[in-house]
Amino acid sequence: TSHVLVQAQPGQPLQNLTLCLRSY
């Protein structure tokens, strides 16, 4: 059950994207 919901969305469909994050 536990998660973080990101309350944002792109305004239109994506034809390019980059995702970055740090994890441990």
mmCIF file of all heavy atoms, coordinates in Angstrom:
data_MODEL
# 
_entry.id   MODEL 
# 
loop_
_atom_site.group_PDB 
_atom_site.id 
_atom_site.type_symbol 
_atom_site.label_atom_id 
_atom_site.label_alt_id 
_atom_site.label_comp_id 
_atom_site.label_asym_id 
_atom_site.label_entity_id 
_atom_site.label_seq_id 
_atom_site.pdbx_PDB_ins_code 
_atom_site.Cartn_x 
_atom_site.Cartn_y 
_atom_site.Cartn_z 
_atom_site.occupancy 
_atom_site.B_iso_or_equiv 
_atom_site.pdbx_formal_charge 
_atom_site.auth_seq_id 
_atom_site.auth_comp_id 
_atom_site.auth_asym_id 
_atom_site.auth_atom_id 
_atom_site.pdbx_PDB_model_num 
ATOM 1   N N   . THR A 1 1  ? 0.805  -1.226 0.000   1.00 0.00 ? 1  THR A N   1 
ATOM 2   C CA  . THR A 1 1  ? 0.000  0.000  0.000   1.00 0.00 ? 1  THR A CA  1 
ATOM 3   C C   . THR A 1 1  ? 0.839  1.277  0.000   1.00 0.00 ? 1  THR A C   1 
ATOM 4   O O   . THR A 1 1  ? 0.480  2.243  -0.670  1.00 0.00 ? 1  THR A O   1 
ATOM 5   C CB  . THR A 1 1  ? -0.913 0.037  1.238   1.00 0.00 ? 1  THR A CB  1 
ATOM 6   O OG1 . THR A 1 1  ? -0.108 -0.189 2.402   1.00 0.00 ? 1  THR A OG1 1 
ATOM 7   C CG2 . THR A 1 1  ? -1.995 -1.026 1.175   1.00 0.00 ? 1  THR A CG2 1 
ATOM 8   N N   . SER A 1 2  ? 1.937  1.317  0.734   1.00 0.00 ? 2  SER A N   1 
ATOM 9   C CA  . SER A 1 2  ? 2.671  2.581  0.915   1.00 0.00 ? 2  SER A CA  1 
ATOM 10  C C   . SER A 1 2  ? 3.348  3.026  -0.383  1.00 0.00 ? 2  SER A C   1 
ATOM 11  O O   . SER A 1 2  ? 4.015  2.232  -1.047  1.00 0.00 ? 2  SER A O   1 
ATOM 12  C CB  . SER A 1 2  ? 3.728  2.424  2.003   1.00 0.00 ? 2  SER A CB  1 
ATOM 13  O OG  . SER A 1 2  ? 3.112  2.087  3.229   1.00 0.00 ? 2  SER A OG  1 
ATOM 14  N N   . HIS A 1 3  ? 3.167  4.304  -0.718  1.00 0.00 ? 3  HIS A N   1 
ATOM 15  C CA  . HIS A 1 3  ? 3.800  4.871  -1.905  1.00 0.00 ? 3  HIS A CA  1 
ATOM 16  C C   . HIS A 1 3  ? 3.723  6.392  -1.828  1.00 0.00 ? 3  HIS A C   1 
ATOM 17  O O   . HIS A 1 3  ? 3.077  6.949  -0.943  1.00 0.00 ? 3  HIS A O   1 
ATOM 18  C CB  . HIS A 1 3  ? 3.117  4.376  -3.184  1.00 0.00 ? 3  HIS A CB  1 
ATOM 19  C CG  . HIS A 1 3  ? 1.673  4.756  -3.308  1.00 0.00 ? 3  HIS A CG  1 
ATOM 20  N ND1 . HIS A 1 3  ? 0.656  4.102  -2.623  1.00 0.00 ? 3  HIS A ND1 1 
ATOM 21  C CD2 . HIS A 1 3  ? 1.051  5.735  -4.025  1.00 0.00 ? 3  HIS A CD2 1 
ATOM 22  C CE1 . HIS A 1 3  ? -0.507 4.662  -2.926  1.00 0.00 ? 3  HIS A CE1 1 
ATOM 23  N NE2 . HIS A 1 3  ? -0.301 5.656  -3.772  1.00 0.00 ? 3  HIS A NE2 1 
ATOM 24  N N   . VAL A 1 4  ? 4.408  7.034  -2.742  1.00 0.00 ? 4  VAL A N   1 
ATOM 25  C CA  . VAL A 1 4  ? 4.290  8.485  -2.895  1.00 0.00 ? 4  VAL A CA  1 
ATOM 26  C C   . VAL A 1 4  ? 3.613  8.752  -4.226  1.00 0.00 ? 4  VAL A C   1 
ATOM 27  O O   . VAL A 1 4  ? 4.077  8.281  -5.281  1.00 0.00 ? 4  VAL A O   1 
ATOM 28  C CB  . VAL A 1 4  ? 5.671  9.172  -2.849  1.00 0.00 ? 4  VAL A CB  1 
ATOM 29  C CG1 . VAL A 1 4  ? 5.535  10.656 -3.207  1.00 0.00 ? 4  VAL A CG1 1 
ATOM 30  C CG2 . VAL A 1 4  ? 6.300  9.014  -1.472  1.00 0.00 ? 4  VAL A CG2 1 
ATOM 31  N N   . LEU A 1 5  ? 2.505  9.482  -4.175  1.00 0.00 ? 5  LEU A N   1 
ATOM 32  C CA  . LEU A 1 5  ? 1.775  9.864  -5.378  1.00 0.00 ? 5  LEU A CA  1 
ATOM 33  C C   . LEU A 1 5  ? 2.272  11.238 -5.821  1.00 0.00 ? 5  LEU A C   1 
ATOM 34  O O   . LEU A 1 5  ? 2.234  12.191 -5.037  1.00 0.00 ? 5  LEU A O   1 
ATOM 35  C CB  . LEU A 1 5  ? 0.280  9.915  -5.064  1.00 0.00 ? 5  LEU A CB  1 
ATOM 36  C CG  . LEU A 1 5  ? -0.673 10.185 -6.214  1.00 0.00 ? 5  LEU A CG  1 
ATOM 37  C CD1 . LEU A 1 5  ? -0.600 9.088  -7.261  1.00 0.00 ? 5  LEU A CD1 1 
ATOM 38  C CD2 . LEU A 1 5  ? -2.093 10.318 -5.688  1.00 0.00 ? 5  LEU A CD2 1 
ATOM 39  N N   . VAL A 1 6  ? 2.781  11.319 -7.047  1.00 0.00 ? 6  VAL A N   1 
ATOM 40  C CA  . VAL A 1 6  ? 3.256  12.596 -7.581  1.00 0.00 ? 6  VAL A CA  1 
ATOM 41  C C   . VAL A 1 6  ? 2.064  13.328 -8.180  1.00 0.00 ? 6  VAL A C   1 
ATOM 42  O O   . VAL A 1 6  ? 1.407  12.825 -9.088  1.00 0.00 ? 6  VAL A O   1 
ATOM 43  C CB  . VAL A 1 6  ? 4.349  12.376 -8.652  1.00 0.00 ? 6  VAL A CB  1 
ATOM 44  C CG1 . VAL A 1 6  ? 4.885  13.724 -9.139  1.00 0.00 ? 6  VAL A CG1 1 
ATOM 45  C CG2 . VAL A 1 6  ? 5.477  11.531 -8.100  1.00 0.00 ? 6  VAL A CG2 1 
ATOM 46  N N   . GLN A 1 7  ? 1.771  14.513 -7.633  1.00 0.00 ? 7  GLN A N   1 
ATOM 47  C CA  . GLN A 1 7  ? 0.561  15.237 -8.047  1.00 0.00 ? 7  GLN A CA  1 
ATOM 48  C C   . GLN A 1 7  ? 0.891  16.237 -9.147  1.00 0.00 ? 7  GLN A C   1 
ATOM 49  O O   . GLN A 1 7  ? 0.759  17.447 -8.982  1.00 0.00 ? 7  GLN A O   1 
ATOM 50  C CB  . GLN A 1 7  ? -0.071 15.898 -6.829  1.00 0.00 ? 7  GLN A CB  1 
ATOM 51  C CG  . GLN A 1 7  ? -0.580 14.838 -5.842  1.00 0.00 ? 7  GLN A CG  1 
ATOM 52  C CD  . GLN A 1 7  ? -1.124 15.441 -4.564  1.00 0.00 ? 7  GLN A CD  1 
ATOM 53  O OE1 . GLN A 1 7  ? -0.464 16.229 -3.914  1.00 0.00 ? 7  GLN A OE1 1 
ATOM 54  N NE2 . GLN A 1 7  ? -2.330 15.051 -4.198  1.00 0.00 ? 7  GLN A NE2 1 
ATOM 55  N N   . ALA A 1 8  ? 1.355  15.694 -10.279 1.00 0.00 ? 8  ALA A N   1 
ATOM 56  C CA  . ALA A 1 8  ? 1.676  16.524 -11.446 1.00 0.00 ? 8  ALA A CA  1 
ATOM 57  C C   . ALA A 1 8  ? 1.557  15.651 -12.683 1.00 0.00 ? 8  ALA A C   1 
ATOM 58  O O   . ALA A 1 8  ? 1.678  14.428 -12.596 1.00 0.00 ? 8  ALA A O   1 
ATOM 59  C CB  . ALA A 1 8  ? 3.092  17.080 -11.338 1.00 0.00 ? 8  ALA A CB  1 
ATOM 60  N N   . GLN A 1 9  ? 1.297  16.286 -13.815 1.00 0.00 ? 9  GLN A N   1 
ATOM 61  C CA  . GLN A 1 9  ? 1.215  15.570 -15.085 1.00 0.00 ? 9  GLN A CA  1 
ATOM 62  C C   . GLN A 1 9  ? 1.732  16.479 -16.188 1.00 0.00 ? 9  GLN A C   1 
ATOM 63  O O   . GLN A 1 9  ? 1.657  17.700 -16.071 1.00 0.00 ? 9  GLN A O   1 
ATOM 64  C CB  . GLN A 1 9  ? -0.240 15.201 -15.410 1.00 0.00 ? 9  GLN A CB  1 
ATOM 65  C CG  . GLN A 1 9  ? -0.868 14.246 -14.440 1.00 0.00 ? 9  GLN A CG  1 
ATOM 66  C CD  . GLN A 1 9  ? -2.269 13.832 -14.877 1.00 0.00 ? 9  GLN A CD  1 
ATOM 67  O OE1 . GLN A 1 9  ? -2.928 14.535 -15.642 1.00 0.00 ? 9  GLN A OE1 1 
ATOM 68  N NE2 . GLN A 1 9  ? -2.722 12.694 -14.393 1.00 0.00 ? 9  GLN A NE2 1 
ATOM 69  N N   . PRO A 1 10 ? 2.242  15.884 -17.280 1.00 0.00 ? 10 PRO A N   1 
ATOM 70  C CA  . PRO A 1 10 ? 2.588  16.727 -18.425 1.00 0.00 ? 10 PRO A CA  1 
ATOM 71  C C   . PRO A 1 10 ? 1.328  17.317 -19.051 1.00 0.00 ? 10 PRO A C   1 
ATOM 72  O O   . PRO A 1 10 ? 0.247  16.733 -18.942 1.00 0.00 ? 10 PRO A O   1 
ATOM 73  C CB  . PRO A 1 10 ? 3.281  15.765 -19.390 1.00 0.00 ? 10 PRO A CB  1 
ATOM 74  C CG  . PRO A 1 10 ? 2.834  14.408 -18.968 1.00 0.00 ? 10 PRO A CG  1 
ATOM 75  C CD  . PRO A 1 10 ? 2.517  14.471 -17.511 1.00 0.00 ? 10 PRO A CD  1 
ATOM 76  N N   . GLY A 1 11 ? 1.454  18.452 -19.685 1.00 0.00 ? 11 GLY A N   1 
ATOM 77  C CA  . GLY A 1 11 ? 0.295  19.100 -20.290 1.00 0.00 ? 11 GLY A CA  1 
ATOM 78  C C   . GLY A 1 11 ? -0.156 18.429 -21.572 1.00 0.00 ? 11 GLY A C   1 
ATOM 79  O O   . GLY A 1 11 ? -1.294 18.601 -22.002 1.00 0.00 ? 11 GLY A O   1 
ATOM 80  N N   . GLN A 1 12 ? 0.716  17.663 -22.198 1.00 0.00 ? 12 GLN A N   1 
ATOM 81  C CA  . GLN A 1 12 ? 0.391  16.998 -23.471 1.00 0.00 ? 12 GLN A CA  1 
ATOM 82  C C   . GLN A 1 12 ? 1.221  15.734 -23.596 1.00 0.00 ? 12 GLN A C   1 
ATOM 83  O O   . GLN A 1 12 ? 2.183  15.555 -22.843 1.00 0.00 ? 12 GLN A O   1 
ATOM 84  C CB  . GLN A 1 12 ? 0.684  17.942 -24.630 1.00 0.00 ? 12 GLN A CB  1 
ATOM 85  C CG  . GLN A 1 12 ? 2.113  18.440 -24.656 1.00 0.00 ? 12 GLN A CG  1 
ATOM 86  C CD  . GLN A 1 12 ? 2.264  19.651 -25.565 1.00 0.00 ? 12 GLN A CD  1 
ATOM 87  O OE1 . GLN A 1 12 ? 1.393  20.494 -25.659 1.00 0.00 ? 12 GLN A OE1 1 
ATOM 88  N NE2 . GLN A 1 12 ? 3.395  19.729 -26.234 1.00 0.00 ? 12 GLN A NE2 1 
ATOM 89  N N   . PRO A 1 13 ? 0.864  14.831 -24.524 1.00 0.00 ? 13 PRO A N   1 
ATOM 90  C CA  . PRO A 1 13 ? 1.638  13.596 -24.686 1.00 0.00 ? 13 PRO A CA  1 
ATOM 91  C C   . PRO A 1 13 ? 3.120  13.900 -24.939 1.00 0.00 ? 13 PRO A C   1 
ATOM 92  O O   . PRO A 1 13 ? 3.464  14.917 -25.546 1.00 0.00 ? 13 PRO A O   1 
ATOM 93  C CB  . PRO A 1 13 ? 0.994  12.931 -25.907 1.00 0.00 ? 13 PRO A CB  1 
ATOM 94  C CG  . PRO A 1 13 ? -0.415 13.439 -25.898 1.00 0.00 ? 13 PRO A CG  1 
ATOM 95  C CD  . PRO A 1 13 ? -0.324 14.858 -25.402 1.00 0.00 ? 13 PRO A CD  1 
ATOM 96  N N   . LEU A 1 14 ? 3.976  13.006 -24.463 1.00 0.00 ? 14 LEU A N   1 
ATOM 97  C CA  . LEU A 1 14 ? 5.424  13.232 -24.510 1.00 0.00 ? 14 LEU A CA  1 
ATOM 98  C C   . LEU A 1 14 ? 6.058  12.497 -25.688 1.00 0.00 ? 14 LEU A C   1 
ATOM 99  O O   . LEU A 1 14 ? 5.825  11.311 -25.887 1.00 0.00 ? 14 LEU A O   1 
ATOM 100 C CB  . LEU A 1 14 ? 6.067  12.733 -23.212 1.00 0.00 ? 14 LEU A CB  1 
ATOM 101 C CG  . LEU A 1 14 ? 5.589  13.398 -21.926 1.00 0.00 ? 14 LEU A CG  1 
ATOM 102 C CD1 . LEU A 1 14 ? 6.193  12.706 -20.717 1.00 0.00 ? 14 LEU A CD1 1 
ATOM 103 C CD2 . LEU A 1 14 ? 5.959  14.865 -21.926 1.00 0.00 ? 14 LEU A CD2 1 
ATOM 104 N N   . GLN A 1 15 ? 6.893  13.227 -26.425 1.00 0.00 ? 15 GLN A N   1 
ATOM 105 C CA  . GLN A 1 15 ? 7.693  12.605 -27.484 1.00 0.00 ? 15 GLN A CA  1 
ATOM 106 C C   . GLN A 1 15 ? 9.166  12.566 -27.105 1.00 0.00 ? 15 GLN A C   1 
ATOM 107 O O   . GLN A 1 15 ? 9.974  11.948 -27.794 1.00 0.00 ? 15 GLN A O   1 
ATOM 108 C CB  . GLN A 1 15 ? 7.483  13.348 -28.794 1.00 0.00 ? 15 GLN A CB  1 
ATOM 109 C CG  . GLN A 1 15 ? 6.017  13.305 -29.193 1.00 0.00 ? 15 GLN A CG  1 
ATOM 110 C CD  . GLN A 1 15 ? 5.773  13.784 -30.604 1.00 0.00 ? 15 GLN A CD  1 
ATOM 111 O OE1 . GLN A 1 15 ? 6.471  13.384 -31.517 1.00 0.00 ? 15 GLN A OE1 1 
ATOM 112 N NE2 . GLN A 1 15 ? 4.785  14.640 -30.764 1.00 0.00 ? 15 GLN A NE2 1 
ATOM 113 N N   . ASN A 1 16 ? 9.502  13.219 -26.003 1.00 0.00 ? 16 ASN A N   1 
ATOM 114 C CA  . ASN A 1 16 ? 10.842 13.137 -25.416 1.00 0.00 ? 16 ASN A CA  1 
ATOM 115 C C   . ASN A 1 16 ? 10.653 13.186 -23.909 1.00 0.00 ? 16 ASN A C   1 
ATOM 116 O O   . ASN A 1 16 ? 9.748  13.863 -23.432 1.00 0.00 ? 16 ASN A O   1 
ATOM 117 C CB  . ASN A 1 16 ? 11.713 14.340 -25.814 1.00 0.00 ? 16 ASN A CB  1 
ATOM 118 C CG  . ASN A 1 16 ? 11.884 14.464 -27.306 1.00 0.00 ? 16 ASN A CG  1 
ATOM 119 O OD1 . ASN A 1 16 ? 12.637 13.726 -27.920 1.00 0.00 ? 16 ASN A OD1 1 
ATOM 120 N ND2 . ASN A 1 16 ? 11.153 15.402 -27.898 1.00 0.00 ? 16 ASN A ND2 1 
ATOM 121 N N   . LEU A 1 17 ? 11.523 12.511 -23.181 1.00 0.00 ? 17 LEU A N   1 
ATOM 122 C CA  . LEU A 1 17 ? 11.455 12.648 -21.723 1.00 0.00 ? 17 LEU A CA  1 
ATOM 123 C C   . LEU A 1 17 ? 12.785 12.251 -21.110 1.00 0.00 ? 17 LEU A C   1 
ATOM 124 O O   . LEU A 1 17 ? 13.564 11.489 -21.691 1.00 0.00 ? 17 LEU A O   1 
ATOM 125 C CB  . LEU A 1 17 ? 10.315 11.806 -21.143 1.00 0.00 ? 17 LEU A CB  1 
ATOM 126 C CG  . LEU A 1 17 ? 10.381 10.280 -21.259 1.00 0.00 ? 17 LEU A CG  1 
ATOM 127 C CD1 . LEU A 1 17 ? 11.090 9.649  -20.073 1.00 0.00 ? 17 LEU A CD1 1 
ATOM 128 C CD2 . LEU A 1 17 ? 8.975  9.715  -21.338 1.00 0.00 ? 17 LEU A CD2 1 
ATOM 129 N N   . THR A 1 18 ? 13.035 12.805 -19.943 1.00 0.00 ? 18 THR A N   1 
ATOM 130 C CA  . THR A 1 18 ? 14.150 12.362 -19.108 1.00 0.00 ? 18 THR A CA  1 
ATOM 131 C C   . THR A 1 18 ? 13.629 12.229 -17.684 1.00 0.00 ? 18 THR A C   1 
ATOM 132 O O   . THR A 1 18 ? 12.884 13.078 -17.209 1.00 0.00 ? 18 THR A O   1 
ATOM 133 C CB  . THR A 1 18 ? 15.317 13.368 -19.118 1.00 0.00 ? 18 THR A CB  1 
ATOM 134 O OG1 . THR A 1 18 ? 15.741 13.597 -20.469 1.00 0.00 ? 18 THR A OG1 1 
ATOM 135 C CG2 . THR A 1 18 ? 16.503 12.837 -18.313 1.00 0.00 ? 18 THR A CG2 1 
ATOM 136 N N   . LEU A 1 19 ? 14.037 11.151 -17.032 1.00 0.00 ? 19 LEU A N   1 
ATOM 137 C CA  . LEU A 1 19 ? 13.678 10.872 -15.644 1.00 0.00 ? 19 LEU A CA  1 
ATOM 138 C C   . LEU A 1 19 ? 14.968 10.716 -14.850 1.00 0.00 ? 19 LEU A C   1 
ATOM 139 O O   . LEU A 1 19 ? 15.876 10.006 -15.292 1.00 0.00 ? 19 LEU A O   1 
ATOM 140 C CB  . LEU A 1 19 ? 12.874 9.568  -15.603 1.00 0.00 ? 19 LEU A CB  1 
ATOM 141 C CG  . LEU A 1 19 ? 12.664 8.919  -14.238 1.00 0.00 ? 19 LEU A CG  1 
ATOM 142 C CD1 . LEU A 1 19 ? 11.771 9.787  -13.377 1.00 0.00 ? 19 LEU A CD1 1 
ATOM 143 C CD2 . LEU A 1 19 ? 12.065 7.528  -14.413 1.00 0.00 ? 19 LEU A CD2 1 
ATOM 144 N N   . CYS A 1 20 ? 15.068 11.394 -13.706 1.00 0.00 ? 20 CYS A N   1 
ATOM 145 C CA  . CYS A 1 20 ? 16.230 11.234 -12.825 1.00 0.00 ? 20 CYS A CA  1 
ATOM 146 C C   . CYS A 1 20 ? 15.760 11.020 -11.387 1.00 0.00 ? 20 CYS A C   1 
ATOM 147 O O   . CYS A 1 20 ? 14.760 11.617 -10.973 1.00 0.00 ? 20 CYS A O   1 
ATOM 148 C CB  . CYS A 1 20 ? 17.124 12.479 -12.825 1.00 0.00 ? 20 CYS A CB  1 
ATOM 149 S SG  . CYS A 1 20 ? 17.941 12.845 -14.391 1.00 0.00 ? 20 CYS A SG  1 
ATOM 150 N N   . LEU A 1 21 ? 16.490 10.219 -10.645 1.00 0.00 ? 21 LEU A N   1 
ATOM 151 C CA  . LEU A 1 21 ? 16.249 10.097 -9.200  1.00 0.00 ? 21 LEU A CA  1 
ATOM 152 C C   . LEU A 1 21 ? 17.459 9.468  -8.519  1.00 0.00 ? 21 LEU A C   1 
ATOM 153 O O   . LEU A 1 21 ? 18.316 8.858  -9.161  1.00 0.00 ? 21 LEU A O   1 
ATOM 154 C CB  . LEU A 1 21 ? 14.969 9.298  -8.907  1.00 0.00 ? 21 LEU A CB  1 
ATOM 155 C CG  . LEU A 1 21 ? 14.817 7.875  -9.419  1.00 0.00 ? 21 LEU A CG  1 
ATOM 156 C CD1 . LEU A 1 21 ? 15.580 6.855  -8.580  1.00 0.00 ? 21 LEU A CD1 1 
ATOM 157 C CD2 . LEU A 1 21 ? 13.353 7.481  -9.417  1.00 0.00 ? 21 LEU A CD2 1 
ATOM 158 N N   . ARG A 1 22 ? 17.492 9.628  -7.198  1.00 0.00 ? 22 ARG A N   1 
ATOM 159 C CA  . ARG A 1 22 ? 18.529 9.009  -6.377  1.00 0.00 ? 22 ARG A CA  1 
ATOM 160 C C   . ARG A 1 22 ? 17.854 8.004  -5.446  1.00 0.00 ? 22 ARG A C   1 
ATOM 161 O O   . ARG A 1 22 ? 16.790 8.295  -4.885  1.00 0.00 ? 22 ARG A O   1 
ATOM 162 C CB  . ARG A 1 22 ? 19.246 10.096 -5.567  1.00 0.00 ? 22 ARG A CB  1 
ATOM 163 C CG  . ARG A 1 22 ? 20.446 9.600  -4.769  1.00 0.00 ? 22 ARG A CG  1 
ATOM 164 C CD  . ARG A 1 22 ? 21.116 10.732 -4.011  1.00 0.00 ? 22 ARG A CD  1 
ATOM 165 N NE  . ARG A 1 22 ? 21.732 11.711 -4.870  1.00 0.00 ? 22 ARG A NE  1 
ATOM 166 C CZ  . ARG A 1 22 ? 22.907 11.558 -5.489  1.00 0.00 ? 22 ARG A CZ  1 
ATOM 167 N NH1 . ARG A 1 22 ? 23.584 10.435 -5.341  1.00 0.00 ? 22 ARG A NH1 1 
ATOM 168 N NH2 . ARG A 1 22 ? 23.393 12.506 -6.255  1.00 0.00 ? 22 ARG A NH2 1 
ATOM 169 N N   . SER A 1 23 ? 18.459 6.834  -5.295  1.00 0.00 ? 23 SER A N   1 
ATOM 170 C CA  . SER A 1 23 ? 17.882 5.844  -4.390  1.00 0.00 ? 23 SER A CA  1 
ATOM 171 C C   . SER A 1 23 ? 18.988 5.173  -3.575  1.00 0.00 ? 23 SER A C   1 
ATOM 172 O O   . SER A 1 23 ? 20.157 5.160  -3.971  1.00 0.00 ? 23 SER A O   1 
ATOM 173 C CB  . SER A 1 23 ? 17.095 4.776  -5.159  1.00 0.00 ? 23 SER A CB  1 
ATOM 174 O OG  . SER A 1 23 ? 17.961 3.979  -5.942  1.00 0.00 ? 23 SER A OG  1 
ATOM 175 N N   . TYR A 1 24 ? 18.575 4.634  -2.439  1.00 0.00 ? 24 TYR A N   1 
ATOM 176 C CA  . TYR A 1 24 ? 19.498 3.995  -1.505  1.00 0.00 ? 24 TYR A CA  1 
ATOM 177 C C   . TYR A 1 24 ? 18.748 2.826  -0.894  1.00 0.00 ? 24 TYR A C   1 
ATOM 178 O O   . TYR A 1 24 ? 17.724 3.021  -0.229  1.00 0.00 ? 24 TYR A O   1 
ATOM 179 C CB  . TYR A 1 24 ? 19.910 5.014  -0.432  1.00 0.00 ? 24 TYR A CB  1 
ATOM 180 C CG  . TYR A 1 24 ? 20.939 4.531  0.558   1.00 0.00 ? 24 TYR A CG  1 
ATOM 181 C CD1 . TYR A 1 24 ? 22.012 3.746  0.177   1.00 0.00 ? 24 TYR A CD1 1 
ATOM 182 C CD2 . TYR A 1 24 ? 20.830 4.886  1.902   1.00 0.00 ? 24 TYR A CD2 1 
ATOM 183 C CE1 . TYR A 1 24 ? 22.964 3.329  1.091   1.00 0.00 ? 24 TYR A CE1 1 
ATOM 184 C CE2 . TYR A 1 24 ? 21.774 4.481  2.827   1.00 0.00 ? 24 TYR A CE2 1 
ATOM 185 C CZ  . TYR A 1 24 ? 22.842 3.694  2.413   1.00 0.00 ? 24 TYR A CZ  1 
ATOM 186 O OH  . TYR A 1 24 ? 23.781 3.288  3.322   1.00 0.00 ? 24 TYR A OH  1 
# 
